[in-house]
């Protein structure tokens, strides 16, 4: 019989970052965006096997919409800051693929970004 397990990260999001993530979901849902987690980083399987997924610096989430371009979301606790690898990755994503990444550490930062994003793409 197969054992059920949950893929886990060695350091889960702290409480404040979890609140930011939940706020993002509540803001994006009514605007018809689907927020999907991008599983990157070091993860442990039963038995202690460690596996690294994705590339360092990859944003935490992607927001998808049926009528507007997708964008990436990097969630941070209120005083959290990007590290150098994250900044570089976000720059690459914008320069090479033209996809925006929003850094969200509170409700207002996401709302302001969404207002601009929706306005920009409604007029096309």
Protein backbone atom coordinates (compact mmCIF):
# COMPACT_ATOMS: atom_id res chain seq x y z
CA UNK A 1 0.00 0.00 0.00
CA UNK A 2 1.40 3.40 -0.99
CA UNK A 3 2.15 5.80 1.82
CA UNK A 4 0.66 9.26 1.50
CA UNK A 5 3.01 12.12 2.12
CA UNK A 6 3.16 15.84 1.65
CA UNK A 7 6.08 17.46 -0.13
CA UNK A 8 7.53 19.89 2.41
CA UNK A 9 10.02 22.69 2.39
CA UNK A 10 12.66 22.83 5.16
CA UNK A 11 11.49 26.28 6.21
CA UNK A 12 7.79 27.00 5.92
CA UNK A 13 6.53 30.54 5.42
CA UNK A 14 6.33 32.45 8.68
CA UNK A 15 2.95 33.55 10.03
CA UNK A 16 3.17 37.05 8.58
CA UNK A 17 4.03 35.77 5.10
CA UNK A 18 1.15 33.28 5.32
CA UNK A 19 -1.18 36.21 6.04
CA UNK A 20 0.17 38.01 2.94
CA UNK A 21 -0.45 34.87 0.85
CA UNK A 22 -4.02 34.56 2.12
CA UNK A 23 -4.64 38.26 1.41
CA UNK A 24 -3.37 37.74 -2.15
CA UNK A 25 -5.84 34.91 -2.69
CA UNK A 26 -8.72 37.03 -1.38
CA UNK A 27 -7.81 39.94 -3.66
CA UNK A 28 -7.10 37.90 -6.80
CA UNK A 29 -10.14 35.60 -6.66
CA UNK A 30 -12.87 38.21 -7.19
CA UNK A 31 -10.83 39.67 -10.06
CA UNK A 32 -10.84 36.22 -11.70
CA UNK A 33 -7.12 35.52 -11.31
CA UNK A 34 -5.99 32.04 -10.33
CA UNK A 35 -2.97 32.01 -8.01
CA UNK A 36 -0.75 28.94 -8.35
CA UNK A 37 2.25 28.06 -6.18
CA UNK A 38 5.53 27.42 -8.01
CA UNK A 39 7.28 24.63 -6.09
CA UNK A 40 10.93 25.68 -6.07
CA UNK A 41 13.68 25.12 -3.58
CA UNK A 42 14.78 22.27 -1.37
CA UNK A 43 12.10 19.70 -0.47
CA UNK A 44 12.31 16.57 1.64
CA UNK A 45 10.67 13.24 0.96
CA UNK A 46 9.97 10.49 3.47
CA UNK A 47 13.19 8.79 4.40
CA UNK A 48 15.11 12.06 4.36
CA UNK A 49 15.80 12.30 0.63
CA UNK A 50 16.30 15.97 -0.34
CA UNK A 51 15.43 17.16 -3.83
CA UNK A 52 15.90 20.63 -5.30
CA UNK A 53 13.20 21.84 -7.68
CA UNK A 54 13.34 24.79 -10.05
CA UNK A 55 15.89 27.55 -10.35
CA UNK A 56 17.05 29.73 -7.46
CA UNK A 57 15.22 33.04 -7.29
CA UNK A 58 12.05 31.83 -9.02
CA UNK A 59 9.02 33.77 -7.71
CA UNK A 60 6.65 32.06 -5.27
CA UNK A 61 3.45 32.17 -7.32
CA UNK A 62 2.03 32.86 -10.77
CA UNK A 63 -1.32 34.61 -11.28
CA UNK A 64 -3.29 33.41 -14.30
CA UNK A 65 -6.29 35.03 -15.99
CA UNK A 66 -8.33 34.00 -19.02
CA UNK A 67 -8.26 37.44 -20.66
CA UNK A 68 -5.09 39.13 -19.36
CA UNK A 69 -1.39 38.31 -19.28
CA UNK A 70 -0.13 36.29 -16.35
CA UNK A 71 2.32 37.73 -13.83
CA UNK A 72 4.52 36.39 -11.06
CA UNK A 73 4.09 37.09 -7.36
CA UNK A 74 6.90 37.16 -4.81
CA UNK A 75 5.44 37.18 -1.31
CA UNK A 76 7.36 38.69 1.57
CA UNK A 77 6.69 39.32 5.22
CA UNK A 78 6.07 43.00 5.99
CA UNK A 79 9.77 43.84 6.35
CA UNK A 80 11.06 41.11 4.04
CA UNK A 81 13.45 42.02 1.24
CA UNK A 82 14.57 40.30 -1.96
CA UNK A 83 17.98 38.70 -1.97
CA UNK A 84 20.36 39.18 -4.90
CA UNK A 85 19.43 35.90 -6.60
CA UNK A 86 15.73 36.79 -6.51
CA UNK A 87 16.34 40.29 -7.86
CA UNK A 88 18.39 38.89 -10.73
CA UNK A 89 15.79 36.24 -11.57
CA UNK A 90 12.96 38.78 -11.58
CA UNK A 91 15.01 41.02 -13.88
CA UNK A 92 15.64 38.08 -16.26
CA UNK A 93 11.94 37.21 -16.36
CA UNK A 94 11.02 40.78 -17.29
CA UNK A 95 13.86 41.31 -19.79
CA UNK A 96 13.70 38.00 -21.62
CA UNK A 97 9.99 37.13 -21.47
CA UNK A 98 8.33 40.48 -20.73
CA UNK A 99 6.46 39.07 -17.72
CA UNK A 100 5.95 41.28 -14.68
CA UNK A 101 6.77 40.19 -11.14
CA UNK A 102 5.10 41.99 -8.25
CA UNK A 103 6.66 41.90 -4.78
CA UNK A 104 3.80 41.73 -2.28
CA UNK A 105 4.32 42.46 1.40
CA UNK A 106 0.86 43.91 2.09
CA UNK A 107 -2.59 44.18 0.51
CA UNK A 108 -1.99 47.65 -0.92
CA UNK A 109 1.06 46.65 -2.96
CA UNK A 110 -0.95 43.98 -4.80
CA UNK A 111 -4.03 46.17 -5.26
CA UNK A 112 -1.95 49.00 -6.74
CA UNK A 113 -0.19 46.60 -9.11
CA UNK A 114 -3.48 44.97 -10.18
CA UNK A 115 -5.16 48.30 -10.86
CA UNK A 116 -2.31 49.28 -13.20
CA UNK A 117 -2.09 45.79 -14.77
CA UNK A 118 -5.82 45.62 -15.50
CA UNK A 119 -5.95 49.20 -16.83
CA UNK A 120 -2.97 48.57 -19.13
CA UNK A 121 -4.45 45.40 -20.61
CA UNK A 122 -8.10 46.48 -20.81
CA UNK A 123 -7.20 49.21 -23.26
CA UNK A 124 -5.66 46.71 -25.73
